[in-house]
Every structure is written in C-alpha cells, then in structure tokens.
Amino acid sequence: MTYHKNPSLKTIKPGWLGNAVDHRQRFINHEFPFESKLRDVFKWITTKNPQKKEKKSDAFRLNHVYDTSFLQHNNDCVIWLGHASFFIRLGGINLLIDPVFFDVPLVKRYSPHAYTPALFNTLDYLLISHDHQDHCQEKSIRQIVDQNPKMKILTGLNMESLLRPWSKNVSIEMAGWYQQYETQAEISIYYLPSRHWSKRGLTDENQRLWGAFCVQSKDKTVYFSGDSGYGNHFQEVQTLFQTIHVAIIGIGAYKPEWFMHPNHVSPEDAVKAFNDMNAQIFIPMHYGTFDISDEPVGEPLRMLKILDGEGKIKGQLRPLQPGEIFETF
C-alpha cells in the first residue's frame, strides 16, 4: 500500500500518512472500499421502482428566491444555489462550491439554477469536491474562471489534469484528506474525508480524490459534506474542530438504498451524521434539483422534517430555498 498527499500542505491529523492507493494507483475509502460494478448499474436500471407512480405524481418543487442583496454588503452568509452548489462568505472571503449552473447530460432537471454565473465576479476561491458531472461542470467552471482570473481553485489530489484545460492560468491547489490549504489569513480551509468515489470517463475510476470541506473564519465554521455515504468520518469532524456552526449535508439520491448507500446518505443517515458532528445548524442539500435516483423528488425533505418533528435532530434544521440568503449563524 502506498500513500499520497500534498507535501507542501499542513496535515492536521497526527500520524496520517496520506490517502491510500491500491496496486493500480486508484484512491480508496479508508473505511469502506468501493468499486463501481456494471452489473449493479444494470440491476438498478432493469429493476422496477416500487415508487414509480408516487415519483411521477410528486408535485414538490423548490421555490427560487431572487435576492442579490448579498452583492451589496460583506456580511457572512450561506446561499444554496441548488443541488450541491453554494456561495459562502466568511470573514469577507467569497467562496463558490461545486457550481453546476447548466444542465447535466441525460439527466432531468427539476429546478433551474438560482443565479447565473455572471453574478459571481468577486470570488477568492472556487472549491471542487470531486469530479462527478453534477459537482464539477466544465461550462460552469470556464465561465467562473473567465470572471475571476485572480481566484484560486481548491480541490483534491490529481484533479489538476482535469481542471487545467478549463482554468487558464488560475492557480489550482490540490490536497489530500486532513490537509489545510494555503489561503488568506482571514480564513482557513481544510479538505476532509468523504465516503464516495470518482469517475469521469471509461477508464479513470478513482484516479482523482473525492472529499469534503471545512471552512473556518475567526468565529465561524462551516462544514460541507460533498457526496458521501455514512461512516465514522462524520464523528471525527467534531474531534478535529471545536464547533461546527453550520453543517451542509446531502439528503437525496439514496434509493434504491442497496445501490446508493455506499455513496449517498439517506435522510436518516444524514441526521446521524449531523448528530455525530454535534453541529448547530443543519442545511440539507443534494435534493430537489436533478432526477438521479428512485425516490420521489420531495421525499428527502419530507422525511427530514418528520425526523425533526420527532426530535431526532440535535440542533436546528434550516432548509433553504435556492437563492435564499442565510446569515443568522
């Protein structure tokens, strides 16, 4: 077994050797190794969805809020742009995470993006969690780069070869898990584990690292889960960081669970993950935007609200509408 990390970056977990790679130099999850299998994909697409009628009749749709007032002030804020895309400002530093402004090939889109790329021309950092099409979109990245030539892209190991052709001369910094990026003094950004995988083409499975982010100013900490199945890495977050003020965690694309659970948490597991972190505010994501799984489009949020009503969430549940500005944290 060999291990990879960025030797120029600080590692925050004592004794961490780096991200393990197998004999083919493919990254692996440290707790639950995963390799996609075509037979499982075939089984999924050829098996009847027991919720097919319910899914077809589900009228749930996200309600967009068009409020560009965040461009006229410098307050800390979190804005959900849809799916896993976020604008975050902490300590006066502007971040964009996993922007997907446009359609994803062969995927139905329930909800359009909250804003256009043209609004985001004062970015300090662009964060890309992993290489999947619904998180890492060439057209979106090219437009953001054009408007923010002085920003820096922060991402996982081996991602530069994918991103460089879209990014001109913008600086790209790659990290392994538990590593801290080199950033402006007002903010600290860390790359953390997630339970997932990567693939962009036919032969590049797990050649690029996937992960989560933790963004920290002098008085606030925001965690972004990326795509992840459930694992002990959530509990570990609260040992690495004293307080998580906001935890952004995916809740959708979890059915059929036999197929999806290694890579996406269900609403129930998202609650477990949130509680494991002892976080204060839970902002759900990764639902209501793209049709990429079997559950009805509104089911993830409905289930989450039921769990909240039962007192299962040990903190504040704060769902956002796309474009809504959240500042009270």
Protein backbone atom coordinates (compact mmCIF):
# COMPACT_ATOMS: atom_id res chain seq x y z
CA MET A 1 0.00 0.00 0.00
CA THR A 2 1.28 3.45 -0.86
CA TYR A 3 0.03 6.84 0.34
CA HIS A 4 -0.35 10.19 -1.36
CA LYS A 5 -0.68 13.75 -0.04
CA ASN A 6 0.50 17.24 -0.92
CA PRO A 7 3.87 17.54 0.85
CA SER A 8 3.71 21.34 0.80
CA LEU A 9 0.50 21.48 2.85
CA LYS A 10 -0.08 21.10 6.57
CA THR A 11 -1.70 17.86 7.73
CA ILE A 12 -4.00 18.31 10.74
CA LYS A 13 -4.43 14.67 11.76
CA PRO A 14 -1.42 13.38 13.73
CA GLY A 15 0.13 10.29 12.20
CA TRP A 16 -1.85 10.48 8.94
CA LEU A 17 0.36 9.06 6.19
CA GLY A 18 -1.81 10.26 3.34
CA ASN A 19 -4.51 8.84 1.08
CA ALA A 20 -4.06 5.16 0.36
CA VAL A 21 -3.97 3.94 -3.22
CA ASP A 22 -4.25 0.34 -4.41
CA HIS A 23 -1.92 -1.56 -6.72
CA ARG A 24 -3.45 0.25 -9.72
CA GLN A 25 -2.78 3.64 -8.09
CA ARG A 26 -6.50 4.19 -7.50
CA PHE A 27 -7.68 6.00 -4.37
CA ILE A 28 -9.72 4.03 -1.85
CA ASN A 29 -12.02 4.90 1.03
CA HIS A 30 -10.19 4.23 4.28
CA GLU A 31 -13.20 2.63 5.97
CA PHE A 32 -15.39 1.23 3.18
CA PRO A 33 -13.52 0.46 -0.07
CA PHE A 34 -15.79 0.87 -3.09
CA GLU A 35 -15.58 -0.06 -6.74
CA SER A 36 -18.46 0.55 -9.13
CA LYS A 37 -19.78 -2.54 -10.89
CA LEU A 38 -21.60 -2.50 -14.21
CA ARG A 39 -23.76 -5.43 -13.10
CA ASP A 40 -25.08 -3.32 -10.19
CA VAL A 41 -25.89 -0.43 -12.54
CA PHE A 42 -27.67 -2.85 -14.88
CA LYS A 43 -29.61 -4.37 -11.97
CA TRP A 44 -30.74 -0.92 -10.87
CA ILE A 45 -31.93 0.29 -14.27
CA THR A 46 -33.71 -3.00 -15.05
CA THR A 47 -35.45 -3.36 -11.67
CA LYS A 48 -38.90 -1.81 -11.32
CA ASN A 49 -39.02 1.15 -8.98
CA PRO A 50 -41.73 0.41 -6.35
CA GLN A 51 -42.31 4.16 -6.01
CA LYS A 52 -42.62 4.83 -9.74
CA LYS A 53 -46.21 6.17 -9.60
CA GLU A 54 -45.53 8.18 -6.48
CA LYS A 55 -42.43 9.67 -8.04
CA LYS A 56 -44.27 10.61 -11.22
CA SER A 57 -47.06 12.36 -9.33
CA ASP A 58 -44.85 14.18 -6.81
CA ALA A 59 -45.54 17.89 -7.36
CA PHE A 60 -42.81 19.11 -5.00
CA ARG A 61 -40.64 21.83 -6.49
CA LEU A 62 -38.14 24.19 -4.94
CA ASN A 63 -39.17 27.85 -4.82
CA HIS A 64 -36.45 30.16 -6.04
CA VAL A 65 -35.63 33.36 -4.24
CA TYR A 66 -34.00 36.05 -6.36
CA ASP A 67 -32.22 38.30 -3.88
CA THR A 68 -28.91 39.78 -4.96
CA SER A 69 -28.53 41.98 -1.89
CA PHE A 70 -25.56 39.84 -0.80
CA LEU A 71 -23.60 41.59 -3.54
CA GLN A 72 -24.11 44.96 -1.83
CA HIS A 73 -22.73 44.00 1.59
CA ASN A 74 -19.91 41.97 3.09
CA ASN A 75 -21.80 40.02 5.74
CA ASP A 76 -21.11 36.36 6.46
CA CYS A 77 -23.67 34.29 4.56
CA VAL A 78 -24.52 30.90 3.09
CA ILE A 79 -26.56 30.74 -0.12
CA TRP A 80 -27.75 27.47 -1.61
CA LEU A 81 -27.73 27.69 -5.40
CA GLY A 82 -29.32 24.27 -5.94
CA HIS A 83 -28.15 20.64 -5.71
CA ALA A 84 -24.65 20.85 -4.16
CA SER A 85 -23.75 24.37 -5.30
CA PHE A 86 -23.18 27.06 -2.64
CA PHE A 87 -21.94 30.60 -2.33
CA ILE A 88 -20.36 31.18 1.08
CA ARG A 89 -18.85 34.32 2.54
CA LEU A 90 -16.88 34.12 5.78
CA GLY A 91 -14.60 36.81 7.13
CA GLY A 92 -15.04 38.85 3.96
CA ILE A 93 -13.80 35.98 1.77
CA ASN A 94 -16.04 34.81 -1.10
CA LEU A 95 -16.25 31.12 -1.97
CA LEU A 96 -18.14 29.12 -4.57
CA ILE A 97 -18.52 25.37 -4.08
CA ASP A 98 -19.32 22.80 -6.81
CA PRO A 99 -21.09 25.19 -9.24
CA VAL A 100 -23.37 23.50 -11.77
CA PHE A 101 -25.27 26.31 -13.47
CA PHE A 102 -26.31 24.32 -16.54
CA ASP A 103 -27.99 21.03 -17.41
CA VAL A 104 -26.22 17.73 -16.87
CA PRO A 105 -26.32 15.44 -19.93
CA LEU A 106 -29.03 12.75 -19.90
CA VAL A 107 -30.37 13.93 -16.51
CA LYS A 108 -33.77 15.56 -15.98
CA ARG A 109 -33.55 18.83 -14.08
CA TYR A 110 -36.49 19.63 -11.77
CA SER A 111 -35.20 23.02 -10.70
CA PRO A 112 -33.14 25.60 -12.59
CA HIS A 113 -30.08 27.17 -11.00
CA ALA A 114 -30.83 30.07 -8.67
CA TYR A 115 -28.50 32.53 -10.40
CA THR A 116 -26.33 32.88 -13.49
CA PRO A 117 -22.51 32.75 -13.41
CA ALA A 118 -22.41 36.44 -14.33
CA LEU A 119 -23.23 37.43 -10.73
CA PHE A 120 -20.12 35.83 -9.30
CA ASN A 121 -17.17 38.02 -10.27
CA THR A 122 -15.60 38.74 -6.86
CA LEU A 123 -14.59 35.22 -5.88
CA ASP A 124 -11.49 34.49 -3.84
CA TYR A 125 -11.76 30.70 -4.03
CA LEU A 126 -13.55 28.05 -6.08
CA LEU A 127 -13.88 24.72 -4.26
CA ILE A 128 -14.46 21.49 -6.22
CA SER A 129 -15.18 18.46 -4.04
CA HIS A 130 -14.82 15.74 -6.70
CA ASP A 131 -15.04 15.06 -10.42
CA HIS A 132 -18.64 13.86 -10.95
CA GLN A 133 -20.66 15.79 -13.52
CA ASP A 134 -23.22 17.10 -11.03
CA HIS A 135 -20.42 18.71 -8.96
CA CYS A 136 -17.73 19.53 -11.48
CA GLN A 137 -19.11 21.06 -14.68
CA GLU A 138 -16.78 22.27 -17.40
CA LYS A 139 -19.04 25.02 -18.78
CA SER A 140 -19.69 26.45 -15.30
CA ILE A 141 -16.03 26.38 -14.33
CA ARG A 142 -14.91 28.00 -17.58
CA GLN A 143 -17.33 30.90 -17.10
CA ILE A 144 -16.38 31.37 -13.44
CA VAL A 145 -12.68 31.36 -14.35
CA ASP A 146 -13.25 33.98 -17.05
CA GLN A 147 -14.86 36.29 -14.49
CA ASN A 148 -12.43 35.59 -11.65
CA PRO A 149 -8.92 35.33 -13.11
CA LYS A 150 -7.27 36.08 -9.75
CA MET A 151 -9.14 33.50 -7.68
CA LYS A 152 -7.66 30.16 -6.57
CA ILE A 153 -9.18 26.71 -7.14
CA LEU A 154 -9.03 24.32 -4.17
CA THR A 155 -9.68 20.63 -4.79
CA GLY A 156 -8.48 17.07 -4.21
CA LEU A 157 -5.40 15.20 -5.32
CA ASN A 158 -4.94 14.52 -9.06
CA MET A 159 -7.71 16.93 -10.07
CA GLU A 160 -5.49 19.46 -11.86
CA SER A 161 -5.18 17.41 -15.07
CA LEU A 162 -8.97 17.57 -15.42
CA LEU A 163 -9.40 21.20 -14.37
CA ARG A 164 -6.38 22.84 -16.02
CA PRO A 165 -7.74 22.91 -19.61
CA TRP A 166 -10.80 24.79 -18.30
CA SER A 167 -8.94 27.10 -15.93
CA LYS A 168 -6.40 29.08 -17.98
CA ASN A 169 -3.69 30.36 -15.62
CA VAL A 170 -5.78 30.31 -12.44
CA SER A 171 -3.90 28.77 -9.53
CA ILE A 172 -5.00 25.24 -8.58
CA GLU A 173 -4.09 23.74 -5.23
CA MET A 174 -4.74 20.05 -4.55
CA ALA A 175 -4.94 18.50 -1.09
CA GLY A 176 -5.25 15.07 0.44
CA TRP A 177 -7.60 14.37 3.33
CA TYR A 178 -6.87 16.19 6.59
CA GLN A 179 -4.80 18.81 4.80
CA GLN A 180 -5.09 22.58 5.13
CA TYR A 181 -4.93 24.74 2.01
CA GLU A 182 -2.78 27.85 1.76
CA THR A 183 -5.28 30.72 1.98
CA GLN A 184 -5.60 34.33 3.00
CA ALA A 185 -5.22 34.96 6.73
CA GLU A 186 -8.93 35.73 7.22
CA ILE A 187 -9.94 32.14 6.55
CA SER A 188 -8.79 28.52 6.88
CA ILE A 189 -9.99 25.79 4.52
CA TYR A 190 -9.48 22.05 5.02
CA TYR A 191 -10.06 19.00 2.83
CA LEU A 192 -11.62 16.12 4.76
CA PRO A 193 -12.70 12.53 4.09
CA SER A 194 -15.95 11.51 2.46
CA ARG A 195 -17.17 8.03 1.60
CA HIS A 196 -17.52 8.19 -2.16
CA TRP A 197 -15.69 7.52 -5.44
CA SER A 198 -14.69 9.29 -8.65
CA LYS A 199 -15.04 8.75 -12.35
CA ARG A 200 -15.24 10.99 -15.39
CA GLY A 201 -14.68 8.61 -18.30
CA LEU A 202 -14.48 4.90 -19.05
CA THR A 203 -11.08 4.10 -17.56
CA ASP A 204 -10.36 6.70 -14.87
CA GLU A 205 -12.29 5.33 -11.91
CA ASN A 206 -10.92 6.56 -8.55
CA GLN A 207 -7.88 8.22 -10.13
CA ARG A 208 -8.91 11.57 -8.62
CA LEU A 209 -9.61 12.12 -4.95
CA TRP A 210 -13.04 13.00 -3.54
CA GLY A 211 -13.72 14.74 -0.27
CA ALA A 212 -15.46 17.25 1.99
CA PHE A 213 -14.53 20.79 3.01
CA CYS A 214 -14.38 22.66 6.28
CA VAL A 215 -14.25 26.45 6.02
CA GLN A 216 -13.32 28.43 9.12
CA SER A 217 -13.08 32.12 9.97
CA LYS A 218 -12.03 33.51 13.34
CA ASP A 219 -15.52 32.95 14.79
CA LYS A 220 -17.47 30.61 12.46
CA THR A 221 -17.00 27.15 10.99
CA VAL A 222 -18.96 25.70 8.05
CA TYR A 223 -18.74 22.02 7.03
CA PHE A 224 -19.67 20.85 3.51
CA SER A 225 -20.03 17.08 3.19
CA GLY A 226 -19.63 16.71 -0.56
CA ASP A 227 -21.11 13.40 -1.70
CA SER A 228 -20.78 10.74 0.98
CA GLY A 229 -22.18 7.57 2.39
CA TYR A 230 -22.35 7.23 6.15
CA GLY A 231 -19.15 6.47 8.07
CA ASN A 232 -17.07 7.33 11.11
CA HIS A 233 -15.55 10.33 9.34
CA PHE A 234 -18.55 12.41 10.44
CA GLN A 235 -17.90 11.77 14.11
CA GLU A 236 -14.25 12.56 13.55
CA VAL A 237 -15.14 16.09 12.41
CA GLN A 238 -16.15 17.10 15.92
CA THR A 239 -12.82 15.89 17.26
CA LEU A 240 -10.91 17.98 14.71
CA PHE A 241 -12.94 21.18 15.10
CA GLN A 242 -14.25 22.57 18.34
CA THR A 243 -17.59 23.81 16.98
CA ILE A 244 -19.38 23.30 13.67
CA HIS A 245 -21.78 26.20 13.35
CA VAL A 246 -23.27 25.06 10.03
CA ALA A 247 -23.19 21.54 8.58
CA ILE A 248 -24.22 21.23 4.92
CA ILE A 249 -25.08 17.58 4.25
CA GLY A 250 -26.67 15.79 1.28
CA ILE A 251 -30.01 14.08 1.84
CA GLY A 252 -31.08 12.95 -1.64
CA ALA A 253 -30.19 10.33 -4.26
CA TYR A 254 -30.42 7.49 -1.74
CA LYS A 255 -32.80 4.97 -3.37
CA PRO A 256 -32.56 2.13 -4.06
CA GLU A 257 -30.61 2.04 -0.82
CA TRP A 258 -28.83 -1.23 -1.66
CA PHE A 259 -27.22 0.60 -4.59
CA MET A 260 -26.91 4.17 -3.30
CA HIS A 261 -25.99 3.84 0.39
CA PRO A 262 -22.20 3.44 -0.11
CA ASN A 263 -22.07 6.88 -1.74
CA HIS A 264 -25.05 8.97 -0.58
CA VAL A 265 -26.61 9.25 2.87
CA SER A 266 -30.35 8.83 3.33
CA PRO A 267 -32.21 11.44 5.40
CA GLU A 268 -31.92 9.13 8.41
CA ASP A 269 -28.18 8.70 7.97
CA ALA A 270 -27.77 12.42 7.31
CA VAL A 271 -29.32 13.08 10.72
CA LYS A 272 -26.93 10.57 12.28
CA ALA A 273 -24.03 12.31 10.56
CA PHE A 274 -25.18 15.73 11.76
CA ASN A 275 -25.59 14.50 15.32
CA ASP A 276 -22.20 12.77 15.18
CA MET A 277 -20.62 16.15 14.46
CA ASN A 278 -22.50 17.83 17.31
CA ALA A 279 -23.15 20.65 14.85
CA GLN A 280 -25.52 23.54 15.49
CA ILE A 281 -27.38 24.17 12.21
CA PHE A 282 -28.24 21.57 9.55
CA ILE A 283 -28.60 22.82 5.96
CA PRO A 284 -29.67 19.98 3.64
CA MET A 285 -28.55 19.79 0.01
CA HIS A 286 -28.36 17.35 -2.92
CA TYR A 287 -32.12 17.03 -3.41
CA GLY A 288 -34.89 18.63 -5.42
CA THR A 289 -32.74 19.54 -8.42
CA PHE A 290 -31.75 16.54 -10.56
CA ASP A 291 -33.51 13.24 -11.21
CA ILE A 292 -30.68 10.83 -10.41
CA SER A 293 -32.32 8.22 -8.18
CA ASP A 294 -35.56 6.36 -7.45
CA GLU A 295 -37.10 8.32 -4.58
CA PRO A 296 -39.76 10.96 -5.32
CA VAL A 297 -38.28 14.42 -5.66
CA GLY A 298 -39.77 15.81 -2.44
CA GLU A 299 -39.31 12.73 -0.27
CA PRO A 300 -35.87 13.58 1.17
CA LEU A 301 -37.04 16.87 2.68
CA ARG A 302 -40.36 15.41 3.84
CA MET A 303 -38.53 12.61 5.64
CA LEU A 304 -36.10 15.07 7.18
CA LYS A 305 -38.93 17.21 8.53
CA ILE A 306 -40.59 14.14 10.03
CA LEU A 307 -37.35 13.23 11.80
CA ASP A 308 -37.06 16.81 13.03
CA GLY A 309 -40.63 16.70 14.34
CA GLU A 310 -39.77 13.54 16.25
CA GLY A 311 -36.89 15.33 17.95
CA LYS A 312 -34.23 13.25 16.19
CA ILE A 313 -32.14 16.24 15.08
CA LYS A 314 -29.96 17.53 17.91
CA GLY A 315 -29.72 21.04 16.54
CA GLN A 316 -31.59 23.39 14.22
CA LEU A 317 -32.85 22.20 10.85
CA ARG A 318 -32.66 25.06 8.36
CA PRO A 319 -33.70 24.06 4.83
CA LEU A 320 -33.02 26.78 2.26
CA GLN A 321 -34.68 27.67 -0.99
CA PRO A 322 -32.29 28.23 -3.89
CA GLY A 323 -31.11 31.81 -3.81
CA GLU A 324 -32.17 32.41 -0.20
CA ILE A 325 -29.59 34.30 1.86
CA PHE A 326 -28.86 32.73 5.27
CA GLU A 327 -26.95 34.97 7.67
CA THR A 328 -28.09 34.13 11.21
CA PHE A 329 -25.44 31.67 12.34
